[in-house]
Amino acid sequence: MSAVRNIMKNFARNAELDEFLRSQIGDAGYGGAEVQKTPVGTRITIFVTRPGLVIGRRGVGIRALTEQIEKKFDLQNPQVSVLEIEVPELDPQVMCNKIAHLVSRGTAFRRAALWTMNSIMGAGAMGAEISISGKLRSERAHHEKYRDGVVPKSGETAKRIVREAKQDVLLKMGLYGVKVKIAIKDAIPPEVEIKELTPEDAKAIETAQITVDAEASVKTEPVIEQMITAPEPEVKKEVKAEAAQAAEVEVKPEATVHVEKTEAKEEKEKTEPREKTKAETEKSSKPKSERKKKAVGGESKSENPES
């Protein structure tokens, strides 16, 4: 047998096993099964909401179920284990079986769909979609769809967070088909997560900050010592020397300079004889008689006009 035929045979067997388990333990809240081949035998894991109904008293129910599976599907040494579903409201297969069970008991399909929708959203789902098709109200088949929240339809996000299940139920009016899609919030981890700061975390952050500051100070100390002990270049020395000389020279204001000039002039006049002007020299060289005549002539001139 080729590999492709072997794979197709396994798929067909798993589908028959799923249908068989749904019919046998549907009342226990059947949510699916996983089949794994091991060197010892075949391991079958069954997910239900009420595992006590499957196991039975002292394991009688699970032993009988194991024998039936071994005979019907020709499996060697099957090992059946039962696990409880933690949140059955987020399992689409369980919700499909619930709707089918309610409709088969005579509950209106709209009421059953709305009850299921409310329970799914109350469990914390991101979104849900329920489709019911068949002869719902008349001889002509049609379908109704109920949606709440956000349910991605395509893309990688839809593949990762949307879970889907289908279920058929036979009624007097005909065959009903139920399809449930549930979008799980926590299927993809968020890119940013806000975490509350606890006292222990605050202490750890403080200690880490102290160590970082200490390391930074240790790294900067050798650099400062090198800057202090490094020899100064010759150009800087010359500039510093010129600045020191300029600082030594005191800049005198204009008022003090003027006072110093006047004092020097007075001292010079005291020590050296004063030079006579040209008019003084001429006056001193003339005889006294001429000077008297001039004085008398001036008086006579002043008297003539009066006369």
Foldseek 3Di string as FASTA:
>chain_A
DDPVVVVVVVVVLLVVVQVVCCVVCVVQQWQGWDWDQDPVWIEIETEGAHCCVCQDDVRPNVVVVVVVCCVPSVTDPYHYHYDYDPQSLQRQSSLQSQLLVCVQVPDQSVVSVVVSLVSNVVVPFQKKKKKKWDQRPHLDIDMDMDIDHDQDDDDPQNVQFKDKDKDWHADPSGIMIMIMITGHDPSDPDPDDDDDDDPVNVVVVVVVVVVVVVVVVVVCVVVVVCVVPPDDDPVVVVVVVVVVVVVVDDDDDPVVVVVVVVVVVVVVPVVDPDDDDPVVVVVVPDDPVVVVVVVVVVVVVVCVVVD
